[in-house]
PDB file of N, CA and C in Angstrom:
ATOM      1  N   MET A   1       0.856  -1.158   0.005  1.00  0.00           N
ATOM      2  CA  MET A   1      -0.014  -0.004  -0.007  1.00  0.00           C
ATOM      3  C   MET A   1       0.893   1.243   0.003  1.00  0.00           C
ATOM      4  N   GLY A   2       0.611   2.160  -0.879  1.00  0.00           N
ATOM      5  CA  GLY A   2       1.430   3.365  -0.989  1.00  0.00           C
ATOM      6  C   GLY A   2       1.149   4.328   0.170  1.00  0.00           C
ATOM      7  N   PRO A   3       2.142   5.219   0.389  1.00  0.00           N
ATOM      8  CA  PRO A   3       1.991   6.178   1.528  1.00  0.00           C
ATOM      9  C   PRO A   3       0.834   7.121   1.289  1.00  0.00           C
ATOM     10  N   ALA A   4       0.508   7.489   0.062  1.00  0.00           N
ATOM     11  CA  ALA A   4      -0.599   8.408  -0.175  1.00  0.00           C
ATOM     12  C   ALA A   4      -1.928   7.765   0.211  1.00  0.00           C
ATOM     13  N   LEU A   5      -2.071   6.493  -0.117  1.00  0.00           N
ATOM     14  CA  LEU A   5      -3.329   5.767   0.242  1.00  0.00           C
ATOM     15  C   LEU A   5      -3.456   5.598   1.766  1.00  0.00           C
ATOM     16  N   LEU A   6      -2.333   5.334   2.411  1.00  0.00           N
ATOM     17  CA  LEU A   6      -2.343   5.217   3.865  1.00  0.00           C
ATOM     18  C   LEU A   6      -2.707   6.549   4.512  1.00  0.00           C
ATOM     19  N   LEU A   7      -2.144   7.627   4.023  1.00  0.00           N
ATOM     20  CA  LEU A   7      -2.426   8.951   4.547  1.00  0.00           C
ATOM     21  C   LEU A   7      -3.892   9.325   4.309  1.00  0.00           C
ATOM     22  N   PHE A   8      -4.433   9.007   3.146  1.00  0.00           N
ATOM     23  CA  PHE A   8      -5.840   9.257   2.887  1.00  0.00           C
ATOM     24  C   PHE A   8      -6.735   8.474   3.832  1.00  0.00           C
ATOM     25  N   GLY A   9      -6.366   7.219   4.098  1.00  0.00           N
ATOM     26  CA  GLY A   9      -7.159   6.402   5.042  1.00  0.00           C
ATOM     27  C   GLY A   9      -7.125   6.960   6.462  1.00  0.00           C
ATOM     28  N   LEU A  10      -5.981   7.414   6.890  1.00  0.00           N
ATOM     29  CA  LEU A  10      -5.846   8.023   8.250  1.00  0.00           C
ATOM     30  C   LEU A  10      -6.678   9.301   8.365  1.00  0.00           C
ATOM     31  N   LEU A  11      -6.608  10.131   7.325  1.00  0.00           N
ATOM     32  CA  LEU A  11      -7.380  11.379   7.373  1.00  0.00           C
ATOM     33  C   LEU A  11      -8.864  11.116   7.310  1.00  0.00           C
ATOM     34  N   THR A  12      -9.284  10.163   6.482  1.00  0.00           N
ATOM     35  CA  THR A  12     -10.695   9.844   6.399  1.00  0.00           C
ATOM     36  C   THR A  12     -11.207   9.261   7.679  1.00  0.00           C
ATOM     37  N   ASP A  13     -10.456   8.350   8.266  1.00  0.00           N
ATOM     38  CA  ASP A  13     -10.838   7.718   9.531  1.00  0.00           C
ATOM     39  C   ASP A  13     -10.933   8.751  10.629  1.00  0.00           C
ATOM     40  N   SER A  14     -10.005   9.671  10.693  1.00  0.00           N
ATOM     41  CA  SER A  14     -10.039  10.727  11.731  1.00  0.00           C
ATOM     42  C   SER A  14     -11.233  11.645  11.532  1.00  0.00           C
ATOM     43  N   PHE A  15     -11.532  11.971  10.300  1.00  0.00           N
ATOM     44  CA  PHE A  15     -12.680  12.850  10.012  1.00  0.00           C
ATOM     45  C   PHE A  15     -14.009  12.180  10.413  1.00  0.00           C
ATOM     46  N   VAL A  16     -14.155  10.895  10.025  1.00  0.00           N
ATOM     47  CA  VAL A  16     -15.373  10.170  10.333  1.00  0.00           C
ATOM     48  C   VAL A  16     -15.511   9.971  11.848  1.00  0.00           C
ATOM     49  N   ALA A  17     -14.391   9.733  12.542  1.00  0.00           N
ATOM     50  CA  ALA A  17     -14.386   9.572  13.987  1.00  0.00           C
ATOM     51  C   ALA A  17     -14.812  10.898  14.655  1.00  0.00           C
ATOM     52  N   ALA A  18     -14.376  12.025  14.090  1.00  0.00           N
ATOM     53  CA  ALA A  18     -14.820  13.322  14.610  1.00  0.00           C
ATOM     54  C   ALA A  18     -16.316  13.539  14.418  1.00  0.00           C
ATOM     55  N   LEU A  19     -16.855  13.076  13.287  1.00  0.00           N
ATOM     56  CA  LEU A  19     -18.284  13.202  13.079  1.00  0.00           C
ATOM     57  C   LEU A  19     -19.073  12.319  14.063  1.00  0.00           C
ATOM     58  N   VAL A  20     -18.575  11.118  14.348  1.00  0.00           N
ATOM     59  CA  VAL A  20     -19.218  10.256  15.347  1.00  0.00           C
ATOM     60  C   VAL A  20     -19.131  10.925  16.707  1.00  0.00           C
ATOM     61  N   GLY A  21     -18.014  11.559  16.995  1.00  0.00           N
ATOM     62  CA  GLY A  21     -17.852  12.288  18.241  1.00  0.00           C
ATOM     63  C   GLY A  21     -18.849  13.441  18.404  1.00  0.00           C
ATOM     64  N   LEU A  22     -19.117  14.133  17.291  1.00  0.00           N
ATOM     65  CA  LEU A  22     -20.109  15.183  17.319  1.00  0.00           C
ATOM     66  C   LEU A  22     -21.512  14.655  17.608  1.00  0.00           C
ATOM     67  N   LEU A  23     -21.784  13.461  17.044  1.00  0.00           N
ATOM     68  CA  LEU A  23     -23.059  12.832  17.324  1.00  0.00           C
ATOM     69  C   LEU A  23     -23.133  12.418  18.797  1.00  0.00           C
ATOM     70  N   GLY A  24     -22.017  11.946  19.320  1.00  0.00           N
ATOM     71  CA  GLY A  24     -21.916  11.536  20.710  1.00  0.00           C
ATOM     72  C   GLY A  24     -22.066  12.686  21.677  1.00  0.00           C
ATOM     73  N   ALA A  25     -21.789  13.903  21.249  1.00  0.00           N
ATOM     74  CA  ALA A  25     -21.900  15.070  22.128  1.00  0.00           C
ATOM     75  C   ALA A  25     -23.332  15.321  22.520  1.00  0.00           C
ATOM     76  N   ARG A  26     -24.283  14.863  21.752  1.00  0.00           N
ATOM     77  CA  ARG A  26     -25.679  15.027  22.041  1.00  0.00           C
ATOM     78  C   ARG A  26     -26.271  13.810  22.792  1.00  0.00           C
ATOM     79  N   ARG A  27     -25.423  12.902  23.199  1.00  0.00           N
ATOM     80  CA  ARG A  27     -25.828  11.705  23.928  1.00  0.00           C
ATOM     81  C   ARG A  27     -25.048  11.560  25.238  1.00  0.00           C
ATOM     82  N   ARG A  28     -25.459  10.648  26.058  1.00  0.00           N
ATOM     83  CA  ARG A  28     -24.824  10.445  27.367  1.00  0.00           C
ATOM     84  C   ARG A  28     -23.362  10.053  27.235  1.00  0.00           C
ATOM     85  N   ILE A  29     -22.969   9.395  26.179  1.00  0.00           N
ATOM     86  CA  ILE A  29     -21.595   8.919  26.004  1.00  0.00           C
ATOM     87  C   ILE A  29     -20.622  10.097  25.895  1.00  0.00           C
ATOM     88  N   GLY A  30     -21.064  11.187  25.294  1.00  0.00           N
ATOM     89  CA  GLY A  30     -20.239  12.401  25.163  1.00  0.00           C
ATOM     90  C   GLY A  30     -19.315  12.302  23.936  1.00  0.00           C
ATOM     91  N   PHE A  31     -18.816  13.502  23.584  1.00  0.00           N
ATOM     92  CA  PHE A  31     -17.924  13.575  22.425  1.00  0.00           C
ATOM     93  C   PHE A  31     -16.673  12.743  22.595  1.00  0.00           C
ATOM     94  N   GLY A  32     -16.028  12.894  23.753  1.00  0.00           N
ATOM     95  CA  GLY A  32     -14.730  12.270  23.963  1.00  0.00           C
ATOM     96  C   GLY A  32     -14.748  10.770  23.842  1.00  0.00           C
ATOM     97  N   TRP A  33     -15.694  10.126  24.544  1.00  0.00           N
ATOM     98  CA  TRP A  33     -15.750   8.671  24.494  1.00  0.00           C
ATOM     99  C   TRP A  33     -16.167   8.149  23.113  1.00  0.00           C
ATOM    100  N   ALA A  34     -17.087   8.849  22.455  1.00  0.00           N
ATOM    101  CA  ALA A  34     -17.495   8.412  21.122  1.00  0.00           C
ATOM    102  C   ALA A  34     -16.317   8.530  20.126  1.00  0.00           C
ATOM    103  N   PHE A  35     -15.557   9.620  20.247  1.00  0.00           N
ATOM    104  CA  PHE A  35     -14.407   9.802  19.384  1.00  0.00           C
ATOM    105  C   PHE A  35     -13.335   8.779  19.673  1.00  0.00           C
ATOM    106  N   PHE A  36     -13.074   8.543  20.968  1.00  0.00           N
ATOM    107  CA  PHE A  36     -12.039   7.605  21.394  1.00  0.00           C
ATOM    108  C   PHE A  36     -12.372   6.189  20.887  1.00  0.00           C
ATOM    109  N   LEU A  37     -13.615   5.774  21.065  1.00  0.00           N
ATOM    110  CA  LEU A  37     -14.005   4.438  20.591  1.00  0.00           C
ATOM    111  C   LEU A  37     -13.931   4.327  19.100  1.00  0.00           C
ATOM    112  N   SER A  38     -14.247   5.383  18.377  1.00  0.00           N
ATOM    113  CA  SER A  38     -14.153   5.378  16.918  1.00  0.00           C
ATOM    114  C   SER A  38     -12.744   5.279  16.438  1.00  0.00           C
ATOM    115  N   VAL A  39     -11.807   5.908  17.143  1.00  0.00           N
ATOM    116  CA  VAL A  39     -10.411   5.842  16.721  1.00  0.00           C
ATOM    117  C   VAL A  39      -9.807   4.511  17.136  1.00  0.00           C
ATOM    118  N   LEU A  40     -10.155   4.017  18.364  1.00  0.00           N
ATOM    119  CA  LEU A  40      -9.586   2.799  18.869  1.00  0.00           C
ATOM    120  C   LEU A  40     -10.054   1.566  18.044  1.00  0.00           C
ATOM    121  N   PHE A  41     -11.338   1.496  17.781  1.00  0.00           N
ATOM    122  CA  PHE A  41     -11.832   0.363  17.000  1.00  0.00           C
ATOM    123  C   PHE A  41     -12.059   0.784  15.571  1.00  0.00           C
ATOM    124  N   THR A  42     -13.262   1.110  15.230  1.00  0.00           N
ATOM    125  CA  THR A  42     -13.582   1.671  13.902  1.00  0.00           C
ATOM    126  C   THR A  42     -14.698   2.678  14.081  1.00  0.00           C
ATOM    127  N   PRO A  43     -14.884   3.621  13.157  1.00  0.00           N
ATOM    128  CA  PRO A  43     -16.022   4.530  13.286  1.00  0.00           C
ATOM    129  C   PRO A  43     -17.377   3.827  13.328  1.00  0.00           C
ATOM    130  N   LEU A  44     -17.493   2.650  12.700  1.00  0.00           N
ATOM    131  CA  LEU A  44     -18.728   1.941  12.730  1.00  0.00           C
ATOM    132  C   LEU A  44     -19.064   1.463  14.139  1.00  0.00           C
ATOM    133  N   VAL A  45     -18.066   0.935  14.856  1.00  0.00           N
ATOM    134  CA  VAL A  45     -18.276   0.490  16.247  1.00  0.00           C
ATOM    135  C   VAL A  45     -18.595   1.689  17.116  1.00  0.00           C
ATOM    136  N   GLY A  46     -17.870   2.816  16.947  1.00  0.00           N
ATOM    137  CA  GLY A  46     -18.192   4.015  17.702  1.00  0.00           C
ATOM    138  C   GLY A  46     -19.583   4.519  17.426  1.00  0.00           C
ATOM    139  N   LEU A  47     -20.029   4.442  16.170  1.00  0.00           N
ATOM    140  CA  LEU A  47     -21.389   4.873  15.841  1.00  0.00           C
ATOM    141  C   LEU A  47     -22.429   3.986  16.494  1.00  0.00           C
ATOM    142  N   ILE A  48     -22.235   2.668  16.506  1.00  0.00           N
ATOM    143  CA  ILE A  48     -23.193   1.755  17.122  1.00  0.00           C
ATOM    144  C   ILE A  48     -23.260   2.013  18.634  1.00  0.00           C
ATOM    145  N   VAL A  49     -22.110   2.171  19.297  1.00  0.00           N
ATOM    146  CA  VAL A  49     -22.132   2.428  20.730  1.00  0.00           C
ATOM    147  C   VAL A  49     -22.785   3.777  20.997  1.00  0.00           C
ATOM    148  N   CYS A  50     -22.520   4.749  20.160  1.00  0.00           N
ATOM    149  CA  CYS A  50     -23.100   6.061  20.314  1.00  0.00           C
ATOM    150  C   CYS A  50     -24.619   6.028  20.155  1.00  0.00           C
ATOM    151  N   LEU A  51     -25.102   5.288  19.201  1.00  0.00           N
ATOM    152  CA  LEU A  51     -26.542   5.216  18.981  1.00  0.00           C
ATOM    153  C   LEU A  51     -27.244   4.444  20.066  1.00  0.00           C
ATOM    154  N   LEU A  52     -26.525   3.532  20.735  1.00  0.00           N
ATOM    155  CA  LEU A  52     -27.126   2.781  21.822  1.00  0.00           C
ATOM    156  C   LEU A  52     -27.168   3.596  23.115  1.00  0.00           C
ATOM    157  N   SER A  53     -26.416   4.680  23.174  1.00  0.00           N
ATOM    158  CA  SER A  53     -26.415   5.548  24.367  1.00  0.00           C
ATOM    159  C   SER A  53     -27.680   6.426  24.381  1.00  0.00           C
ATOM    160  N   ASP A  54     -28.100   6.781  25.623  1.00  0.00           N
ATOM    161  CA  ASP A  54     -29.320   7.596  25.766  1.00  0.00           C
ATOM    162  C   ASP A  54     -29.075   9.028  25.232  1.00  0.00           C
ATOM    163  N   LYS A  55     -30.148   9.610  24.719  1.00  0.00           N
ATOM    164  CA  LYS A  55     -30.091  11.010  24.289  1.00  0.00           C
ATOM    165  C   LYS A  55     -30.120  11.942  25.454  1.00  0.00           C
ATOM    166  N   LEU A  56     -29.471  13.085  25.346  1.00  0.00           N
ATOM    167  CA  LEU A  56     -29.511  14.143  26.327  1.00  0.00           C
ATOM    168  C   LEU A  56     -30.736  15.012  26.040  1.00  0.00           C
ATOM    169  N   PRO A  57     -31.209  15.782  27.024  1.00  0.00           N
ATOM    170  CA  PRO A  57     -32.328  16.691  26.767  1.00  0.00           C
ATOM    171  C   PRO A  57     -31.934  17.701  25.704  1.00  0.00           C
ATOM    172  N   VAL A  58     -32.942  18.242  25.024  1.00  0.00           N
ATOM    173  CA  VAL A  58     -32.746  19.172  23.904  1.00  0.00           C
ATOM    174  C   VAL A  58     -31.929  20.381  24.394  1.00  0.00           C
ATOM    175  N   GLY A  59     -30.949  20.738  23.615  1.00  0.00           N
ATOM    176  CA  GLY A  59     -30.119  21.911  23.908  1.00  0.00           C
ATOM    177  C   GLY A  59     -28.927  21.633  24.814  1.00  0.00           C
ATOM    178  N   GLN A  60     -28.782  20.418  25.268  1.00  0.00           N
ATOM    179  CA  GLN A  60     -27.672  20.070  26.156  1.00  0.00           C
ATOM    180  C   GLN A  60     -26.641  19.245  25.380  1.00  0.00           C
ATOM    181  N   ARG A  61     -25.359  19.464  25.676  1.00  0.00           N
ATOM    182  CA  ARG A  61     -24.307  18.709  25.068  1.00  0.00           C
ATOM    183  C   ARG A  61     -23.309  18.243  26.098  1.00  0.00           C
ATOM    184  N   ASN A  62     -22.658  17.150  25.837  1.00  0.00           N
ATOM    185  CA  ASN A  62     -21.685  16.574  26.757  1.00  0.00           C
ATOM    186  C   ASN A  62     -20.346  16.476  26.103  1.00  0.00           C
ATOM    187  N   TRP A  63     -19.523  17.494  26.258  1.00  0.00           N
ATOM    188  CA  TRP A  63     -18.189  17.521  25.606  1.00  0.00           C
ATOM    189  C   TRP A  63     -17.165  16.880  26.527  1.00  0.00           C
ATOM    190  N   GLY A  64     -17.170  17.221  27.760  1.00  0.00           N
ATOM    191  CA  GLY A  64     -16.213  16.659  28.705  1.00  0.00           C
ATOM    192  C   GLY A  64     -14.787  17.116  28.408  1.00  0.00           C
ATOM    193  N   CYS A  65     -13.869  16.940  29.351  1.00  0.00           N
ATOM    194  CA  CYS A  65     -12.495  17.390  29.147  1.00  0.00           C
ATOM    195  C   CYS A  65     -11.790  16.488  28.133  1.00  0.00           C
ATOM    196  N   LEU A  66     -12.181  15.237  28.045  1.00  0.00           N
ATOM    197  CA  LEU A  66     -11.550  14.325  27.104  1.00  0.00           C
ATOM    198  C   LEU A  66     -11.838  14.778  25.640  1.00  0.00           C
ATOM    199  N   GLY A  67     -13.024  15.354  25.447  1.00  0.00           N
ATOM    200  CA  GLY A  67     -13.382  15.894  24.133  1.00  0.00           C
ATOM    201  C   GLY A  67     -12.458  17.015  23.699  1.00  0.00           C
ATOM    202  N   SER A  68     -12.138  17.911  24.624  1.00  0.00           N
ATOM    203  CA  SER A  68     -11.259  19.040  24.290  1.00  0.00           C
ATOM    204  C   SER A  68      -9.842  18.545  23.953  1.00  0.00           C
ATOM    205  N   ILE A  69      -9.358  17.624  24.755  1.00  0.00           N
ATOM    206  CA  ILE A  69      -8.006  17.086  24.526  1.00  0.00           C
ATOM    207  C   ILE A  69      -7.927  16.397  23.193  1.00  0.00           C
ATOM    208  N   LEU A  70      -8.916  15.537  22.916  1.00  0.00           N
ATOM    209  CA  LEU A  70      -8.906  14.809  21.643  1.00  0.00           C
ATOM    210  C   LEU A  70      -9.065  15.745  20.443  1.00  0.00           C
ATOM    211  N   ALA A  71      -9.851  16.801  20.600  1.00  0.00           N
ATOM    212  CA  ALA A  71     -10.022  17.747  19.506  1.00  0.00           C
ATOM    213  C   ALA A  71      -8.693  18.443  19.191  1.00  0.00           C
ATOM    214  N   VAL A  72      -7.944  18.801  20.219  1.00  0.00           N
ATOM    215  CA  VAL A  72      -6.645  19.467  20.002  1.00  0.00           C
ATOM    216  C   VAL A  72      -5.657  18.492  19.328  1.00  0.00           C
ATOM    217  N   ILE A  73      -5.662  17.257  19.793  1.00  0.00           N
ATOM    218  CA  ILE A  73      -4.784  16.248  19.197  1.00  0.00           C
ATOM    219  C   ILE A  73      -5.161  16.014  17.724  1.00  0.00           C
ATOM    220  N   THR A  74      -6.464  15.939  17.427  1.00  0.00           N
ATOM    221  CA  THR A  74      -6.896  15.761  16.056  1.00  0.00           C
ATOM    222  C   THR A  74      -6.516  16.879  15.139  1.00  0.00           C
ATOM    223  N   ILE A  75      -6.659  18.105  15.621  1.00  0.00           N
ATOM    224  CA  ILE A  75      -6.292  19.298  14.838  1.00  0.00           C
ATOM    225  C   ILE A  75      -4.786  19.248  14.566  1.00  0.00           C
ATOM    226  N   ALA A  76      -3.981  18.953  15.599  1.00  0.00           N
ATOM    227  CA  ALA A  76      -2.553  18.868  15.431  1.00  0.00           C
ATOM    228  C   ALA A  76      -2.171  17.781  14.399  1.00  0.00           C
ATOM    229  N   LEU A  77      -2.874  16.644  14.434  1.00  0.00           N
ATOM    230  CA  LEU A  77      -2.627  15.590  13.487  1.00  0.00           C
ATOM    231  C   LEU A  77      -2.933  16.036  12.058  1.00  0.00           C
ATOM    232  N   PHE A  78      -4.065  16.729  11.874  1.00  0.00           N
ATOM    233  CA  PHE A  78      -4.411  17.236  10.530  1.00  0.00           C
ATOM    234  C   PHE A  78      -3.363  18.226  10.028  1.00  0.00           C
ATOM    235  N   VAL A  79      -2.896  19.107  10.873  1.00  0.00           N
ATOM    236  CA  VAL A  79      -1.856  20.086  10.496  1.00  0.00           C
ATOM    237  C   VAL A  79      -0.556  19.352  10.125  1.00  0.00           C
ATOM    238  N   PHE A  80      -0.161  18.414  10.946  1.00  0.00           N
ATOM    239  CA  PHE A  80       1.090  17.648  10.676  1.00  0.00           C
ATOM    240  C   PHE A  80       0.973  16.905   9.367  1.00  0.00           C
ATOM    241  N   LEU A  81      -0.140  16.186   9.168  1.00  0.00           N
ATOM    242  CA  LEU A  81      -0.284  15.434   7.926  1.00  0.00           C
ATOM    243  C   LEU A  81      -0.409  16.322   6.723  1.00  0.00           C
ATOM    244  N   GLY A  82      -1.034  17.468   6.879  1.00  0.00           N
ATOM    245  CA  GLY A  82      -1.115  18.418   5.779  1.00  0.00           C
ATOM    246  C   GLY A  82       0.243  18.930   5.388  1.00  0.00           C
ATOM    247  N   LEU A  83       1.054  19.257   6.401  1.00  0.00           N
ATOM    248  CA  LEU A  83       2.432  19.751   6.105  1.00  0.00           C
ATOM    249  C   LEU A  83       3.265  18.617   5.488  1.00  0.00           C
ATOM    250  N   LEU A  84       3.042  17.415   5.990  1.00  0.00           N
ATOM    251  CA  LEU A  84       3.792  16.272   5.464  1.00  0.00           C
ATOM    252  C   LEU A  84       3.446  16.045   3.982  1.00  0.00           C
ATOM    253  N   MET A  85       2.166  16.249   3.651  1.00  0.00           N
ATOM    254  CA  MET A  85       1.757  16.012   2.264  1.00  0.00           C
ATOM    255  C   MET A  85       2.363  17.047   1.316  1.00  0.00           C
ATOM    256  N   VAL A  86       2.523  18.264   1.751  1.00  0.00           N
ATOM    257  CA  VAL A  86       3.105  19.257   0.830  1.00  0.00           C
ATOM    258  C   VAL A  86       4.631  19.276   0.891  1.00  0.00           C
ATOM    259  N   GLY A  87       5.196  18.432   1.743  1.00  0.00           N
ATOM    260  CA  GLY A  87       6.639  18.311   1.734  1.00  0.00           C
ATOM    261  C   GLY A  87       7.342  19.319   2.603  1.00  0.00           C
ATOM    262  N   ALA A  88       6.625  19.973   3.502  1.00  0.00           N
ATOM    263  CA  ALA A  88       7.240  21.005   4.316  1.00  0.00           C
ATOM    264  C   ALA A  88       8.041  20.409   5.465  1.00  0.00           C
ATOM    265  N   ILE A  89       7.756  19.177   5.811  1.00  0.00           N
ATOM    266  CA  ILE A  89       8.483  18.502   6.910  1.00  0.00           C
ATOM    267  C   ILE A  89       9.366  17.412   6.300  1.00  0.00           C
ATOM    268  N   VAL A  90      10.616  17.427   6.632  1.00  0.00           N
ATOM    269  CA  VAL A  90      11.516  16.406   6.181  1.00  0.00           C
ATOM    270  C   VAL A  90      11.888  15.531   7.382  1.00  0.00           C
ATOM    271  N   LEU A  91      11.536  14.254   7.285  1.00  0.00           N
ATOM    272  CA  LEU A  91      11.843  13.370   8.408  1.00  0.00           C
ATOM    273  C   LEU A  91      13.218  12.792   8.304  1.00  0.00           C
TER     274      LEU A  91
END
């Protein structure tokens, strides 16, 4: 498998995991745990666990501190991979 395909897979997986995390923010599981499970296993497993979790009342969200930490790590990963793709970082 070429490095471009691997990079595309990592970016896609991270993006879909972030979407599952956003869905989890409106449920008891919260953004952080939904995102973590999506990254650890697959976004499909994270989505199933998220949908099995109870909904929060309308207008309420559960981000948690884990959500903030994972969001910063994900943004840093996107920046690093973006710079790596354009060749700005030489390993």
